[in-house]
Each structure stands twice: as structure tokens, then as C-alpha cells.
Amino acid sequence: MTDRRDHTTEVSTSAVPPADASLLVEDVLLLLFQPESGTIAGENILFYVLGGGVLGDLALAERVEMVAEGPLSARVRAVGDASSPDELLAPALEYVAAKPRGVQTVLAAIGPTLRGPVLERLIARGDLHREETKTLGIFPSTKLSVGSERRATLIAQVRAALIDGETPTPRIGAAIALLSASGTLPQFYREIPWSGAVYTRGKELERGDWGASAAGSAVTRTLAAVITNAVIAAVVVIPRV
């Protein structure tokens, strides 16, 4: 089986936006990074989760919308300005702009190439630090560690939504939905105590329950639809191993 994790794209990470302009897909990968082990949780379905993050970013930028084709199916299509709001999102927007496509088709096409460039973006910004080492003094290896306060800030926002009952922003709600869909929320138990209530709230956010203000916005309705379809793809299409 081909390992999807090491795929790269032609996306350049030279133009790195500041932390306050980071993308949903970047925040999701940063949240999935586990500081104690230096690994990324949910690798087996990571490409679907990151693909959902990219489509979420395009929805927030009003570059895509969902077109229902029946009670159980929908396609995503490009709208508005044809230019990409960020070069990391450009390949996905170009793919969708060619013609409306099923969400799962889009995720399968764009997701496998995302891990590398998104990780490089986080390292370039300083949110993660990469150290090249050698195992047993011979074999090259890479060690990742937290490099900024960005992840801690995101964890606090996720915890506030899951435990404290705060209404998340659509962007944080979408991030939590993707974490929940990936099955990784229990792995955050040291930072976000795991419970039945946390599980239930995560599932509510998967369904787009982000509060009344989100329900009233066309952009966030599209974002919710994108995330819901990404969740279905991650949970149903890709078997857990």
C-alpha cells in the first residue's frame, strides 16, 4: 500500500501568512500534533480530515458552495472570484473550478498531497519546530516539537467549546468537528478531559450545530455542509485501522 503521508505538492510555502491569518487546515494539523510523542494523531484518515479543512477554508473565503442533488448527495462547486485566497488552497480550488464534483471525490483528489505542505507551513511560521537527529547515531530521523503558543491557544478554544459550553466560532466548530470525525478527541484527555458529554458535543459539532448565528449565515451553512460531508467520508469510506 502506498503511504499517503509523505506525498508532496507543487504548492510553495515561501509566502507564509502571519499566525492570525492561519488557515483552518493548518489549525487542524497543529491541533492533531501530540507534543508528548511528537506524532500526529489520526494518520490513517488524515488526508480526508485535511481535505475537509481545505474545503472549509474555501467555504469561509466564499470560493465554494454546496449544491444539493438529493437528500443524501451534494456536489461542491466554485463560486465568486476565481483567484485563490491562499496559495496552499489553489490546487483544490482549481480542481473544483473545473466542474462541480462530489465532496468525497474532491477529498480523495486533494487530500493525499496536503500533509507535507501544511506541515512545512507550520514549521516555517514557527508553530512547530523540526530537529534532524540520528537514531543510534546512524539512522537519520526527524523530531517535531511545539514552537509557539499557537497550539495552546487553539486547545483553550476547543476546550471552552467542548467543556465550558461556550459557542465556538464557525472556524473552531469546524476544527472540532474534524477532530471528532477523525476519532482523535480521546487522545486529548490530558488537555481536554474525555467524557460522554465531550463525545456528544463533538458529534453535535460534526452536524454543524455551531449556534444560531452560524445557522443564519450562508457561508457557515456551506461550511457546515462541507464538514458534514468530510465527516461522512472520513468515517464511512476509510476503514479505521
Protein backbone atom coordinates (compact mmCIF):
# COMPACT_ATOMS: atom_id res chain seq x y z
CA MET A 1 0.00 0.00 0.00
CA THR A 2 1.27 3.47 -0.84
CA ASP A 3 1.97 5.65 2.18
CA ARG A 4 -0.01 8.84 1.57
CA ARG A 5 1.67 10.77 4.37
CA ASP A 6 4.84 11.65 2.52
CA HIS A 7 3.27 12.96 -0.66
CA THR A 8 4.20 16.50 -1.60
CA THR A 9 2.66 19.05 -3.92
CA GLU A 10 3.88 21.89 -6.04
CA VAL A 11 2.42 24.30 -3.51
CA SER A 12 5.06 26.72 -2.27
CA THR A 13 5.26 27.62 1.40
CA SER A 14 7.54 30.60 0.84
CA ALA A 15 4.77 33.15 1.39
CA VAL A 16 3.70 32.27 4.91
CA PRO A 17 0.86 34.37 6.37
CA PRO A 18 1.16 35.56 9.99
CA ALA A 19 -0.33 33.43 12.75
CA ASP A 20 -3.52 35.49 12.93
CA ALA A 21 -4.12 34.70 9.24
CA SER A 22 -3.55 30.96 9.55
CA LEU A 23 -5.87 28.58 7.75
CA LEU A 24 -8.39 26.14 9.18
CA VAL A 25 -6.43 23.27 7.66
CA GLU A 26 -3.26 24.50 9.41
CA ASP A 27 -5.05 24.79 12.75
CA VAL A 28 -6.43 21.25 12.41
CA LEU A 29 -2.99 19.76 11.76
CA LEU A 30 -1.47 21.78 14.60
CA LEU A 31 -4.17 20.55 16.97
CA LEU A 32 -3.60 16.96 15.86
CA PHE A 33 0.09 17.25 16.73
CA GLN A 34 0.75 15.45 20.01
CA PRO A 35 3.54 17.23 21.92
CA GLU A 36 4.37 14.34 24.24
CA SER A 37 5.04 11.84 21.45
CA GLY A 38 5.96 14.25 18.65
CA THR A 39 3.49 12.49 16.37
CA ILE A 40 0.32 13.49 14.52
CA ALA A 41 -2.87 11.79 15.66
CA GLY A 42 -5.25 10.19 13.18
CA GLU A 43 -2.71 9.50 10.44
CA ASN A 44 -4.85 6.74 8.93
CA ILE A 45 -7.55 9.18 7.79
CA LEU A 46 -5.50 12.37 7.92
CA PHE A 47 -5.84 13.13 4.22
CA TYR A 48 -9.63 13.21 4.46
CA VAL A 49 -9.51 15.44 7.52
CA LEU A 50 -7.06 17.89 5.92
CA GLY A 51 -9.04 17.83 2.69
CA GLY A 52 -12.12 18.79 4.68
CA GLY A 53 -10.11 21.60 6.24
CA VAL A 54 -9.12 22.98 2.84
CA LEU A 55 -12.68 22.89 1.56
CA GLY A 56 -13.70 24.57 4.80
CA ASP A 57 -11.18 27.34 4.17
CA LEU A 58 -12.55 27.83 0.66
CA ALA A 59 -16.09 27.95 2.06
CA LEU A 60 -15.08 30.60 4.60
CA ALA A 61 -13.48 32.60 1.79
CA GLU A 62 -16.72 32.24 -0.24
CA ARG A 63 -14.94 30.42 -3.05
CA VAL A 64 -17.05 27.24 -2.96
CA GLU A 65 -20.62 26.29 -2.24
CA MET A 66 -22.59 23.07 -1.87
CA VAL A 67 -25.23 22.12 -4.41
CA ALA A 68 -27.72 19.53 -3.17
CA GLU A 69 -28.59 16.75 -5.61
CA GLY A 70 -30.90 14.86 -3.34
CA PRO A 71 -31.43 14.15 0.34
CA LEU A 72 -28.17 12.22 0.63
CA SER A 73 -25.91 13.69 -2.02
CA ALA A 74 -24.32 17.03 -2.83
CA ARG A 75 -21.65 18.47 -5.05
CA VAL A 76 -19.19 21.23 -4.36
CA ARG A 77 -18.65 23.93 -6.96
CA ALA A 78 -16.50 27.04 -7.25
CA VAL A 79 -18.13 30.47 -6.96
CA GLY A 80 -17.09 34.09 -6.86
CA ASP A 81 -13.55 35.23 -7.51
CA ALA A 82 -11.55 32.57 -9.36
CA SER A 83 -8.33 33.55 -7.58
CA SER A 84 -7.28 31.57 -4.54
CA PRO A 85 -7.20 33.37 -1.17
CA ASP A 86 -4.04 31.44 -0.27
CA GLU A 87 -1.61 29.53 -2.47
CA LEU A 88 -1.98 26.46 -0.26
CA LEU A 89 -5.64 26.31 -1.33
CA ALA A 90 -5.01 26.94 -5.03
CA PRO A 91 -4.79 23.31 -6.23
CA ALA A 92 -8.10 22.43 -4.55
CA LEU A 93 -9.85 25.48 -5.97
CA GLU A 94 -8.53 24.74 -9.44
CA TYR A 95 -9.78 21.16 -9.20
CA VAL A 96 -13.25 22.23 -8.07
CA ALA A 97 -13.42 25.06 -10.62
CA ALA A 98 -13.06 22.58 -13.50
CA LYS A 99 -16.57 21.26 -12.78
CA PRO A 100 -18.84 20.52 -9.80
CA ARG A 101 -17.78 17.31 -8.10
CA GLY A 102 -18.91 15.09 -5.26
CA VAL A 103 -17.31 16.04 -1.96
CA GLN A 104 -15.81 12.61 -1.41
CA THR A 105 -14.29 12.76 -4.90
CA VAL A 106 -12.74 16.13 -4.11
CA LEU A 107 -11.39 14.96 -0.77
CA ALA A 108 -9.81 11.87 -2.31
CA ALA A 109 -8.19 14.01 -5.01
CA ILE A 110 -6.81 16.86 -2.88
CA GLY A 111 -6.26 15.24 0.48
CA PRO A 112 -3.28 12.92 -0.10
CA THR A 113 -0.97 15.79 -1.07
CA LEU A 114 -1.71 18.09 1.85
CA ARG A 115 0.23 16.72 4.82
CA GLY A 116 3.67 17.79 3.59
CA PRO A 117 2.95 21.41 2.59
CA VAL A 118 0.71 22.10 5.59
CA LEU A 119 3.38 20.75 7.93
CA GLU A 120 6.02 22.87 6.21
CA ARG A 121 3.80 25.94 6.63
CA LEU A 122 3.56 25.31 10.38
CA ILE A 123 7.31 24.86 10.65
CA ALA A 124 8.04 27.96 8.57
CA ARG A 125 5.78 30.07 10.79
CA GLY A 126 7.40 28.67 13.93
CA ASP A 127 4.33 26.91 15.31
CA LEU A 128 6.26 23.64 15.11
CA HIS A 129 9.99 23.08 15.38
CA ARG A 130 11.78 20.35 13.43
CA GLU A 131 15.05 18.86 14.59
CA GLU A 132 17.08 16.50 12.42
CA THR A 133 18.66 13.78 14.56
CA LYS A 134 20.14 10.30 14.20
CA THR A 135 18.81 7.17 15.82
CA LEU A 136 21.58 5.09 17.36
CA GLY A 137 23.92 7.70 15.95
CA ILE A 138 23.46 6.27 12.45
CA PHE A 139 19.92 6.43 11.08
CA PRO A 140 18.55 9.90 10.17
CA SER A 141 15.31 10.81 11.90
CA THR A 142 13.17 13.87 12.43
CA LYS A 143 11.81 15.13 15.74
CA LEU A 144 8.95 17.62 15.87
CA SER A 145 8.09 19.79 18.87
CA VAL A 146 5.85 22.75 19.66
CA GLY A 147 7.48 26.03 18.70
CA SER A 148 4.90 28.69 19.67
CA GLU A 149 1.85 29.36 21.84
CA ARG A 150 -0.50 28.93 18.87
CA ARG A 151 -1.42 25.32 19.68
CA ALA A 152 -2.11 26.14 23.34
CA THR A 153 -4.42 28.96 22.25
CA LEU A 154 -6.33 26.64 19.93
CA ILE A 155 -6.61 23.96 22.63
CA ALA A 156 -8.09 26.54 25.01
CA GLN A 157 -10.72 27.48 22.42
CA VAL A 158 -11.56 23.84 21.76
CA ARG A 159 -11.81 23.11 25.49
CA ALA A 160 -14.09 26.13 26.01
CA ALA A 161 -16.49 24.80 23.37
CA LEU A 162 -16.42 21.16 24.49
CA ILE A 163 -16.34 21.54 28.27
CA ASP A 164 -17.29 25.09 29.25
CA GLY A 165 -20.30 25.30 26.98
CA GLU A 166 -19.11 28.31 25.01
CA THR A 167 -20.41 28.76 21.48
CA PRO A 168 -17.46 28.30 19.14
CA THR A 169 -16.77 30.40 16.10
CA PRO A 170 -17.66 28.54 12.90
CA ARG A 171 -13.95 28.03 12.27
CA ILE A 172 -13.30 26.47 15.70
CA GLY A 173 -16.52 24.49 15.42
CA ALA A 174 -15.36 23.11 12.08
CA ALA A 175 -11.95 22.23 13.54
CA ILE A 176 -13.58 20.34 16.42
CA ALA A 177 -15.91 18.55 14.01
CA LEU A 178 -12.94 17.31 12.01
CA LEU A 179 -11.13 16.21 15.17
CA SER A 180 -14.24 14.37 16.30
CA ALA A 181 -14.65 12.70 12.91
CA SER A 182 -11.03 11.57 12.99
CA GLY A 183 -11.69 9.73 16.25
CA THR A 184 -8.81 11.52 17.96
CA LEU A 185 -10.61 13.53 20.65
CA PRO A 186 -9.95 10.88 23.35
CA GLN A 187 -6.21 11.34 22.76
CA PHE A 188 -6.51 14.92 24.07
CA TYR A 189 -7.56 13.71 27.53
CA ARG A 190 -4.60 15.38 29.29
CA GLU A 191 -5.65 18.75 27.86
CA ILE A 192 -9.37 18.16 27.38
CA PRO A 193 -10.72 15.61 29.88
CA TRP A 194 -12.61 12.92 27.98
CA SER A 195 -16.23 12.24 28.87
CA GLY A 196 -19.56 11.27 27.40
CA ALA A 197 -20.53 14.93 27.30
CA VAL A 198 -17.41 15.79 25.27
CA TYR A 199 -18.19 12.94 22.87
CA THR A 200 -21.78 14.16 22.46
CA ARG A 201 -20.79 17.77 21.90
CA GLY A 202 -18.21 16.69 19.32
CA LYS A 203 -20.90 14.81 17.42
CA GLU A 204 -23.19 17.85 17.57
CA LEU A 205 -20.46 19.98 16.04
CA GLU A 206 -19.95 17.36 13.34
CA ARG A 207 -23.56 18.03 12.37
CA GLY A 208 -22.89 21.78 12.15
CA ASP A 209 -24.52 22.78 15.44
CA TRP A 210 -22.44 25.94 15.88
CA GLY A 211 -25.12 28.23 17.27
CA ALA A 212 -27.88 30.45 15.93
CA SER A 213 -25.54 32.98 14.33
CA ALA A 214 -23.85 30.27 12.29
CA ALA A 215 -27.20 28.88 11.14
CA GLY A 216 -28.14 32.30 9.80
CA SER A 217 -25.10 32.72 7.58
CA ALA A 218 -24.92 31.34 4.04
CA VAL A 219 -21.15 31.00 4.38
CA THR A 220 -21.33 28.99 7.58
CA ARG A 221 -24.17 26.85 6.22
CA THR A 222 -21.89 25.96 3.31
CA LEU A 223 -19.03 25.34 5.73
CA ALA A 224 -21.24 23.07 7.82
CA ALA A 225 -22.28 21.12 4.73
CA VAL A 226 -18.65 20.72 3.64
CA ILE A 227 -17.59 19.50 7.07
CA THR A 228 -20.55 17.13 7.33
CA ASN A 229 -19.65 15.54 4.02
CA ALA A 230 -15.98 15.37 5.04
CA VAL A 231 -17.05 13.62 8.23
CA ILE A 232 -19.11 11.08 6.27
CA ALA A 233 -16.14 10.40 4.01
CA ALA A 234 -13.72 10.00 6.91
CA VAL A 235 -15.99 7.74 8.94
CA VAL A 236 -17.57 5.61 6.20
CA VAL A 237 -15.17 5.48 3.26
CA ILE A 238 -11.90 4.99 5.12
CA PRO A 239 -11.77 1.97 7.45
CA ARG A 240 -10.26 2.51 10.89
CA VAL A 241 -7.08 0.52 11.49
